[in-house]
Each structure stands twice: as C-alpha cells, then as structure tokens.
Amino acid sequence: MADGPKKGAPLSGKGKSLLGLVLGAGLTVFCALYAVPRYGNTGTVLTALALAVTGYNAYFAFGGKHTPPEVRQQAEEADEQAREEARLQIMALEEQYNSGLVSYEDYIAKRQEIISQL
C-alpha cells in the first residue's frame, strides 16, 4: 500500500491559494448570475468582493514573485534560529578567549566567520 498525503494534513501556501482561486471564481459567477439581478447594487458589491478574493488568490497562486504569509513566517523562524545559534557560538568562543584557549586574532577571525554566515 503506497503512502499518500496524511488525512487532514494542511494545504501548502500555493494549495490554499489555488483552492481560494477556485472558490472565489465560483462565488464570482454565482454573484454575477444570481445576486446582481436579484439584489441590484448589493449584488454588484458582492460580485466585486468575490472578484477581489479571486484576484488575490490568483496573484499568490501564479505570481511566483511573492510568497504567502505562511512561507514568510517559516523563513523568519529559520532566520531567528540561525541568529540564536550564531549568538550561542559567539558566546562559547568568547568563553574560550577569556579562558586563554584562543588567541585574540583567532577569536576575531572566528567571530567574523560566524557573523558572515548569517
């Protein structure tokens, strides 16, 4: 038996955008065909909102240049982890320097190396 996606697994950012695009397009058609003739200006406003939702999701699904908020948050968390790891490495290096295990030149060189990796 092949393993497929886990049941109830959340969609990726692009998957959410594609789902929003499909639902937004369906809502736009529904509003244009049903709400506008029945409710007039209110239906027109609803159609415009549905079209905006569709456009927003299409932008994230096919734009490629901009990342959805979930992906940005994951990248920020990874950056924060890297900064914390660098901080810990520098603290350990500082302890080695203060205890005389590392020369000043080696301390500065290694510190610059750690910082340049960020």
N, C-alpha and C. Protein backbone atom coordinates (compact mmCIF):
# COMPACT_ATOMS: atom_id res chain seq x y z
N MET A 1 0.83 -1.17 0.00
CA MET A 1 0.00 0.00 0.00
C MET A 1 0.88 1.25 0.00
N ALA A 2 0.68 2.15 -0.93
CA ALA A 2 1.50 3.36 -1.03
C ALA A 2 1.03 4.39 -0.03
N ASP A 3 1.99 5.11 0.54
CA ASP A 3 1.63 6.17 1.47
C ASP A 3 1.26 7.42 0.69
N GLY A 4 0.10 7.94 0.92
CA GLY A 4 -0.33 9.19 0.29
C GLY A 4 -0.28 10.31 1.32
N PRO A 5 -0.83 11.46 0.99
CA PRO A 5 -0.86 12.54 1.96
C PRO A 5 -1.69 12.12 3.18
N LYS A 6 -1.25 12.55 4.33
CA LYS A 6 -1.97 12.20 5.55
C LYS A 6 -3.34 12.86 5.55
N LYS A 7 -4.30 12.15 6.05
CA LYS A 7 -5.65 12.66 6.12
C LYS A 7 -5.68 13.85 7.08
N GLY A 8 -6.25 14.94 6.63
CA GLY A 8 -6.34 16.12 7.47
C GLY A 8 -5.09 16.98 7.46
N ALA A 9 -4.11 16.66 6.59
CA ALA A 9 -2.89 17.46 6.53
C ALA A 9 -3.22 18.83 5.94
N PRO A 10 -2.63 19.90 6.49
CA PRO A 10 -2.94 21.24 5.97
C PRO A 10 -2.38 21.44 4.57
N LEU A 11 -3.03 22.29 3.81
CA LEU A 11 -2.57 22.61 2.46
C LEU A 11 -1.36 23.53 2.53
N SER A 12 -0.53 23.48 1.50
CA SER A 12 0.59 24.41 1.42
C SER A 12 0.06 25.79 1.04
N GLY A 13 0.93 26.80 1.06
CA GLY A 13 0.52 28.15 0.71
C GLY A 13 -0.04 28.23 -0.70
N LYS A 14 0.62 27.55 -1.65
CA LYS A 14 0.14 27.56 -3.02
C LYS A 14 -1.17 26.79 -3.14
N GLY A 15 -1.28 25.68 -2.40
CA GLY A 15 -2.51 24.90 -2.42
C GLY A 15 -3.70 25.71 -1.90
N LYS A 16 -3.45 26.49 -0.84
CA LYS A 16 -4.51 27.34 -0.30
C LYS A 16 -4.91 28.41 -1.31
N SER A 17 -3.92 28.96 -1.99
CA SER A 17 -4.22 29.99 -2.99
C SER A 17 -5.01 29.41 -4.15
N LEU A 18 -4.66 28.20 -4.59
CA LEU A 18 -5.41 27.57 -5.69
C LEU A 18 -6.85 27.26 -5.26
N LEU A 19 -7.00 26.77 -4.04
CA LEU A 19 -8.35 26.50 -3.53
C LEU A 19 -9.15 27.79 -3.44
N GLY A 20 -8.53 28.85 -2.92
CA GLY A 20 -9.20 30.14 -2.85
C GLY A 20 -9.56 30.69 -4.22
N LEU A 21 -8.69 30.44 -5.20
CA LEU A 21 -8.96 30.87 -6.56
C LEU A 21 -10.19 30.18 -7.12
N VAL A 22 -10.28 28.87 -6.95
CA VAL A 22 -11.42 28.11 -7.47
C VAL A 22 -12.71 28.54 -6.76
N LEU A 23 -12.65 28.64 -5.43
CA LEU A 23 -13.86 29.04 -4.69
C LEU A 23 -14.25 30.48 -5.02
N GLY A 24 -13.27 31.36 -5.13
CA GLY A 24 -13.55 32.75 -5.47
C GLY A 24 -14.17 32.88 -6.86
N ALA A 25 -13.67 32.10 -7.82
CA ALA A 25 -14.24 32.13 -9.17
C ALA A 25 -15.68 31.64 -9.17
N GLY A 26 -15.93 30.57 -8.42
CA GLY A 26 -17.30 30.06 -8.32
C GLY A 26 -18.23 31.07 -7.67
N LEU A 27 -17.77 31.72 -6.62
CA LEU A 27 -18.58 32.73 -5.94
C LEU A 27 -18.81 33.93 -6.84
N THR A 28 -17.82 34.31 -7.63
CA THR A 28 -17.97 35.43 -8.56
C THR A 28 -19.06 35.13 -9.59
N VAL A 29 -19.02 33.94 -10.16
CA VAL A 29 -20.04 33.55 -11.15
C VAL A 29 -21.42 33.52 -10.50
N PHE A 30 -21.51 32.93 -9.31
CA PHE A 30 -22.79 32.88 -8.61
C PHE A 30 -23.35 34.27 -8.35
N CYS A 31 -22.50 35.16 -7.85
CA CYS A 31 -22.95 36.53 -7.55
C CYS A 31 -23.37 37.26 -8.82
N ALA A 32 -22.60 37.08 -9.89
CA ALA A 32 -22.92 37.78 -11.13
C ALA A 32 -24.24 37.28 -11.73
N LEU A 33 -24.49 35.98 -11.62
CA LEU A 33 -25.70 35.43 -12.23
C LEU A 33 -26.92 35.47 -11.33
N TYR A 34 -26.73 35.46 -10.01
CA TYR A 34 -27.87 35.39 -9.10
C TYR A 34 -28.05 36.66 -8.27
N ALA A 35 -26.98 37.13 -7.64
CA ALA A 35 -27.09 38.24 -6.70
C ALA A 35 -27.32 39.58 -7.39
N VAL A 36 -26.66 39.82 -8.51
CA VAL A 36 -26.82 41.12 -9.18
C VAL A 36 -28.25 41.30 -9.68
N PRO A 37 -28.83 40.33 -10.40
CA PRO A 37 -30.22 40.54 -10.84
C PRO A 37 -31.22 40.62 -9.68
N ARG A 38 -30.96 39.90 -8.62
CA ARG A 38 -31.92 39.85 -7.53
C ARG A 38 -31.77 41.01 -6.54
N TYR A 39 -30.52 41.40 -6.24
CA TYR A 39 -30.30 42.41 -5.20
C TYR A 39 -29.71 43.72 -5.72
N GLY A 40 -29.50 43.85 -7.00
CA GLY A 40 -29.05 45.11 -7.58
C GLY A 40 -27.66 45.52 -7.13
N ASN A 41 -27.57 46.74 -6.54
CA ASN A 41 -26.27 47.28 -6.13
C ASN A 41 -25.57 46.42 -5.09
N THR A 42 -26.32 45.85 -4.18
CA THR A 42 -25.72 44.97 -3.16
C THR A 42 -25.09 43.75 -3.83
N GLY A 43 -25.76 43.20 -4.81
CA GLY A 43 -25.22 42.08 -5.56
C GLY A 43 -23.96 42.46 -6.33
N THR A 44 -23.95 43.70 -6.83
CA THR A 44 -22.76 44.18 -7.54
C THR A 44 -21.58 44.30 -6.60
N VAL A 45 -21.82 44.78 -5.39
CA VAL A 45 -20.75 44.89 -4.39
C VAL A 45 -20.25 43.49 -4.02
N LEU A 46 -21.15 42.55 -3.82
CA LEU A 46 -20.75 41.18 -3.51
C LEU A 46 -19.93 40.57 -4.65
N THR A 47 -20.34 40.84 -5.88
CA THR A 47 -19.59 40.33 -7.03
C THR A 47 -18.19 40.93 -7.06
N ALA A 48 -18.08 42.23 -6.78
CA ALA A 48 -16.77 42.88 -6.76
C ALA A 48 -15.88 42.30 -5.68
N LEU A 49 -16.44 42.03 -4.50
CA LEU A 49 -15.66 41.42 -3.42
C LEU A 49 -15.20 40.01 -3.80
N ALA A 50 -16.09 39.24 -4.40
CA ALA A 50 -15.72 37.88 -4.83
C ALA A 50 -14.63 37.94 -5.90
N LEU A 51 -14.70 38.91 -6.78
CA LEU A 51 -13.68 39.08 -7.81
C LEU A 51 -12.34 39.48 -7.19
N ALA A 52 -12.39 40.32 -6.16
CA ALA A 52 -11.16 40.73 -5.46
C ALA A 52 -10.50 39.52 -4.78
N VAL A 53 -11.30 38.68 -4.14
CA VAL A 53 -10.77 37.47 -3.50
C VAL A 53 -10.15 36.56 -4.55
N THR A 54 -10.81 36.42 -5.68
CA THR A 54 -10.28 35.59 -6.76
C THR A 54 -8.95 36.14 -7.27
N GLY A 55 -8.89 37.45 -7.49
CA GLY A 55 -7.66 38.07 -7.96
C GLY A 55 -6.52 37.93 -6.97
N TYR A 56 -6.82 38.12 -5.68
CA TYR A 56 -5.81 38.00 -4.63
C TYR A 56 -5.21 36.59 -4.62
N ASN A 57 -6.07 35.60 -4.70
CA ASN A 57 -5.59 34.21 -4.68
C ASN A 57 -4.86 33.84 -5.97
N ALA A 58 -5.30 34.38 -7.10
CA ALA A 58 -4.60 34.13 -8.36
C ALA A 58 -3.21 34.73 -8.31
N TYR A 59 -3.09 35.90 -7.71
CA TYR A 59 -1.80 36.57 -7.58
C TYR A 59 -0.81 35.70 -6.82
N PHE A 60 -1.25 35.12 -5.71
CA PHE A 60 -0.35 34.27 -4.92
C PHE A 60 -0.16 32.89 -5.54
N ALA A 61 -1.16 32.40 -6.26
CA ALA A 61 -1.03 31.07 -6.86
C ALA A 61 -0.11 31.07 -8.07
N PHE A 62 -0.14 32.15 -8.86
CA PHE A 62 0.61 32.16 -10.11
C PHE A 62 1.65 33.27 -10.21
N GLY A 63 1.68 34.19 -9.23
CA GLY A 63 2.60 35.31 -9.29
C GLY A 63 4.04 34.90 -9.23
N GLY A 64 4.38 34.01 -8.31
CA GLY A 64 5.74 33.49 -8.22
C GLY A 64 6.72 34.42 -7.55
N LYS A 65 6.51 35.73 -7.62
CA LYS A 65 7.46 36.67 -7.05
C LYS A 65 7.26 36.86 -5.55
N HIS A 66 6.06 36.73 -5.11
CA HIS A 66 5.76 37.00 -3.71
C HIS A 66 5.35 35.71 -3.01
N THR A 67 5.77 35.59 -1.77
CA THR A 67 5.47 34.39 -1.02
C THR A 67 4.28 34.64 -0.09
N PRO A 68 3.48 33.61 0.10
CA PRO A 68 2.36 33.73 1.02
C PRO A 68 2.86 33.94 2.45
N PRO A 69 2.03 34.47 3.32
CA PRO A 69 2.43 34.76 4.70
C PRO A 69 2.98 33.55 5.45
N GLU A 70 2.45 32.35 5.20
CA GLU A 70 2.92 31.16 5.92
C GLU A 70 4.38 30.88 5.60
N VAL A 71 4.74 31.03 4.35
CA VAL A 71 6.12 30.75 3.92
C VAL A 71 7.06 31.81 4.49
N ARG A 72 6.62 33.07 4.48
CA ARG A 72 7.43 34.14 5.07
C ARG A 72 7.67 33.89 6.54
N GLN A 73 6.63 33.44 7.25
CA GLN A 73 6.77 33.18 8.68
C GLN A 73 7.76 32.05 8.93
N GLN A 74 7.72 31.00 8.12
CA GLN A 74 8.67 29.90 8.26
C GLN A 74 10.10 30.38 8.03
N ALA A 75 10.28 31.25 7.03
CA ALA A 75 11.62 31.78 6.74
C ALA A 75 12.11 32.65 7.89
N GLU A 76 11.22 33.46 8.47
CA GLU A 76 11.60 34.31 9.60
C GLU A 76 11.98 33.46 10.81
N GLU A 77 11.26 32.36 11.03
CA GLU A 77 11.58 31.47 12.15
C GLU A 77 12.95 30.82 11.93
N ALA A 78 13.25 30.43 10.69
CA ALA A 78 14.55 29.84 10.38
C ALA A 78 15.66 30.87 10.58
N ASP A 79 15.42 32.13 10.19
CA ASP A 79 16.40 33.19 10.40
C ASP A 79 16.65 33.42 11.89
N GLU A 80 15.58 33.39 12.66
CA GLU A 80 15.70 33.59 14.11
C GLU A 80 16.52 32.46 14.73
N GLN A 81 16.29 31.23 14.27
CA GLN A 81 17.05 30.08 14.77
C GLN A 81 18.53 30.24 14.44
N ALA A 82 18.83 30.68 13.21
CA ALA A 82 20.23 30.87 12.80
C ALA A 82 20.90 31.95 13.63
N ARG A 83 20.18 33.03 13.92
CA ARG A 83 20.75 34.11 14.76
C ARG A 83 21.02 33.61 16.18
N GLU A 84 20.10 32.83 16.72
CA GLU A 84 20.28 32.30 18.07
C GLU A 84 21.47 31.34 18.12
N GLU A 85 21.60 30.50 17.10
CA GLU A 85 22.73 29.57 17.03
C GLU A 85 24.05 30.34 16.93
N ALA A 86 24.08 31.39 16.13
CA ALA A 86 25.30 32.21 16.00
C ALA A 86 25.62 32.89 17.32
N ARG A 87 24.60 33.37 18.00
CA ARG A 87 24.81 34.02 19.31
C ARG A 87 25.45 33.04 20.30
N LEU A 88 24.95 31.80 20.32
CA LEU A 88 25.49 30.79 21.22
C LEU A 88 26.93 30.43 20.85
N GLN A 89 27.23 30.35 19.55
CA GLN A 89 28.59 30.06 19.11
C GLN A 89 29.55 31.18 19.52
N ILE A 90 29.11 32.42 19.38
CA ILE A 90 29.95 33.55 19.76
C ILE A 90 30.18 33.57 21.26
N MET A 91 29.15 33.25 22.03
CA MET A 91 29.30 33.21 23.49
C MET A 91 30.32 32.13 23.89
N ALA A 92 30.25 30.96 23.25
CA ALA A 92 31.20 29.88 23.55
C ALA A 92 32.61 30.29 23.15
N LEU A 93 32.74 30.96 22.01
CA LEU A 93 34.04 31.43 21.55
C LEU A 93 34.61 32.47 22.51
N GLU A 94 33.73 33.33 22.99
CA GLU A 94 34.15 34.37 23.96
C GLU A 94 34.67 33.73 25.25
N GLU A 95 33.99 32.67 25.69
CA GLU A 95 34.45 31.96 26.89
C GLU A 95 35.83 31.35 26.66
N GLN A 96 36.03 30.78 25.48
CA GLN A 96 37.34 30.20 25.15
C GLN A 96 38.42 31.28 25.13
N TYR A 97 38.09 32.45 24.58
CA TYR A 97 39.05 33.55 24.53
C TYR A 97 39.37 34.03 25.94
N ASN A 98 38.34 34.22 26.77
CA ASN A 98 38.53 34.70 28.14
C ASN A 98 39.33 33.72 28.99
N SER A 99 39.22 32.43 28.69
CA SER A 99 39.97 31.44 29.47
C SER A 99 41.38 31.21 28.91
N GLY A 100 41.70 31.89 27.79
CA GLY A 100 43.05 31.80 27.24
C GLY A 100 43.25 30.65 26.27
N LEU A 101 42.20 29.95 25.88
CA LEU A 101 42.33 28.83 24.96
C LEU A 101 42.47 29.28 23.51
N VAL A 102 42.04 30.51 23.21
CA VAL A 102 42.05 31.03 21.85
C VAL A 102 42.73 32.39 21.86
N SER A 103 43.60 32.64 20.88
CA SER A 103 44.27 33.94 20.79
C SER A 103 43.29 35.00 20.30
N TYR A 104 43.65 36.26 20.49
CA TYR A 104 42.80 37.38 20.08
C TYR A 104 42.55 37.34 18.57
N GLU A 105 43.61 37.08 17.79
CA GLU A 105 43.47 37.05 16.33
C GLU A 105 42.53 35.93 15.89
N ASP A 106 42.68 34.76 16.51
CA ASP A 106 41.79 33.63 16.18
C ASP A 106 40.35 33.93 16.61
N TYR A 107 40.22 34.58 17.76
CA TYR A 107 38.89 34.96 18.26
C TYR A 107 38.19 35.88 17.26
N ILE A 108 38.89 36.92 16.82
CA ILE A 108 38.29 37.88 15.87
C ILE A 108 37.97 37.20 14.55
N ALA A 109 38.90 36.38 14.04
CA ALA A 109 38.68 35.71 12.76
C ALA A 109 37.48 34.77 12.83
N LYS A 110 37.39 33.98 13.88
CA LYS A 110 36.28 33.03 14.02
C LYS A 110 34.96 33.77 14.21
N ARG A 111 34.99 34.86 14.97
CA ARG A 111 33.78 35.66 15.20
C ARG A 111 33.27 36.24 13.88
N GLN A 112 34.19 36.78 13.06
CA GLN A 112 33.80 37.31 11.75
C GLN A 112 33.22 36.20 10.85
N GLU A 113 33.80 35.01 10.94
CA GLU A 113 33.31 33.89 10.16
C GLU A 113 31.87 33.53 10.55
N ILE A 114 31.61 33.50 11.84
CA ILE A 114 30.26 33.18 12.33
C ILE A 114 29.27 34.26 11.87
N ILE A 115 29.66 35.50 12.00
CA ILE A 115 28.77 36.60 11.61
C ILE A 115 28.51 36.60 10.10
N SER A 116 29.54 36.29 9.31
CA SER A 116 29.37 36.30 7.84
C SER A 116 28.44 35.20 7.36
N GLN A 117 28.24 34.14 8.16
CA GLN A 117 27.35 33.06 7.77
C GLN A 117 25.88 33.42 7.94
N LEU A 118 25.60 34.52 8.63
CA LEU A 118 24.21 34.92 8.83
C LEU A 118 23.60 35.50 7.60
